[in-house]
Amino acid sequence: MTDDLPDSVKKCLDILEENIEILTNIEFDLEDEKEDELTPDLELHQLYDMTEDVAESAKLKRAESNFSRRQSEDSL
């Protein structure tokens, strides 16, 4: 019986380890949803600033993706 306990604990830890990434992704998704809330009554200049921020963010993500792709190609 005492030998079964460490095996059971190990199995539980393995299950947690396998699912920690999924749980982390869910947490990040929930945080992102909070940022996606609409704010009513924005002024035109605020909307313009937000548009610029989104465009800059998209450029950064594209640059990161291109950089990662080049690094993976160079490692081959």
Protein backbone atom coordinates (compact mmCIF):
# COMPACT_ATOMS: atom_id res chain seq x y z
CA MET A 1 0.00 0.00 0.00
CA THR A 2 2.80 2.44 0.82
CA ASP A 3 4.42 1.75 -2.56
CA ASP A 4 1.19 2.75 -4.30
CA LEU A 5 1.17 6.21 -2.73
CA PRO A 6 4.38 7.50 -4.38
CA ASP A 7 3.17 6.14 -7.72
CA SER A 8 -0.17 7.90 -7.28
CA VAL A 9 1.54 11.15 -6.37
CA LYS A 10 3.84 10.82 -9.37
CA LYS A 11 0.85 10.24 -11.65
CA CYS A 12 -0.88 13.34 -10.26
CA LEU A 13 2.25 15.42 -10.76
CA ASP A 14 2.57 14.12 -14.33
CA ILE A 15 -1.04 15.10 -15.06
CA LEU A 16 -0.47 18.57 -13.62
CA GLU A 17 2.73 18.98 -15.61
CA GLU A 18 0.96 17.99 -18.83
CA ASN A 19 -1.86 20.45 -18.24
CA ILE A 20 0.01 23.45 -16.80
CA GLU A 21 0.50 24.97 -20.26
CA ILE A 22 -3.22 24.68 -21.01
CA LEU A 23 -4.07 26.30 -17.68
CA THR A 24 -1.57 29.09 -18.30
CA ASN A 25 -3.04 29.74 -21.75
CA ILE A 26 -6.53 29.93 -20.26
CA GLU A 27 -5.27 32.44 -17.71
CA PHE A 28 -3.69 34.60 -20.43
CA ASP A 29 -6.86 34.42 -22.54
CA LEU A 30 -8.95 35.59 -19.61
CA GLU A 31 -6.58 38.51 -19.03
CA ASP A 32 -6.74 39.41 -22.73
CA GLU A 33 -10.54 39.45 -22.59
CA LYS A 34 -10.38 42.11 -19.90
CA GLU A 35 -8.30 44.28 -22.24
CA ASP A 36 -10.80 43.77 -25.09
CA GLU A 37 -13.63 45.55 -23.30
CA LEU A 38 -15.11 48.48 -25.20
CA THR A 39 -14.98 51.93 -23.69
CA PRO A 40 -17.92 54.11 -24.69
CA ASP A 41 -17.74 57.84 -25.42
CA LEU A 42 -14.17 57.99 -26.70
CA GLU A 43 -12.97 61.15 -28.36
CA LEU A 44 -11.73 61.03 -31.95
CA HIS A 45 -8.09 61.63 -30.91
CA GLN A 46 -8.32 58.72 -28.43
CA LEU A 47 -9.57 56.41 -31.19
CA TYR A 48 -6.73 57.59 -33.44
CA ASP A 49 -4.16 56.90 -30.70
CA MET A 50 -5.62 53.42 -30.14
CA THR A 51 -5.42 52.72 -33.87
CA GLU A 52 -1.75 53.69 -33.90
CA ASP A 53 -1.11 51.44 -30.89
CA VAL A 54 -2.76 48.47 -32.59
CA ALA A 55 -0.76 49.06 -35.78
CA GLU A 56 2.51 49.25 -33.83
CA SER A 57 1.62 46.08 -31.92
CA ALA A 58 0.92 44.24 -35.17
CA LYS A 59 4.27 45.39 -36.57
CA LEU A 60 6.07 44.16 -33.46
CA LYS A 61 4.36 40.77 -33.61
CA ARG A 62 5.22 40.43 -37.30
CA ALA A 63 8.84 41.39 -36.58
CA GLU A 64 9.04 38.82 -33.76
CA SER A 65 7.58 36.16 -36.02
CA ASN A 66 10.03 36.97 -38.82
CA PHE A 67 12.94 36.97 -36.39
CA SER A 68 11.93 33.56 -34.98
CA ARG A 69 11.52 32.17 -38.48
CA ARG A 70 15.00 33.40 -39.51
CA GLN A 71 16.54 31.93 -36.36
CA SER A 72 14.93 28.55 -36.97
CA GLU A 73 16.09 28.59 -40.63
CA ASP A 74 19.64 29.47 -39.56
CA SER A 75 19.74 26.62 -37.06
CA LEU A 76 18.98 24.09 -39.79
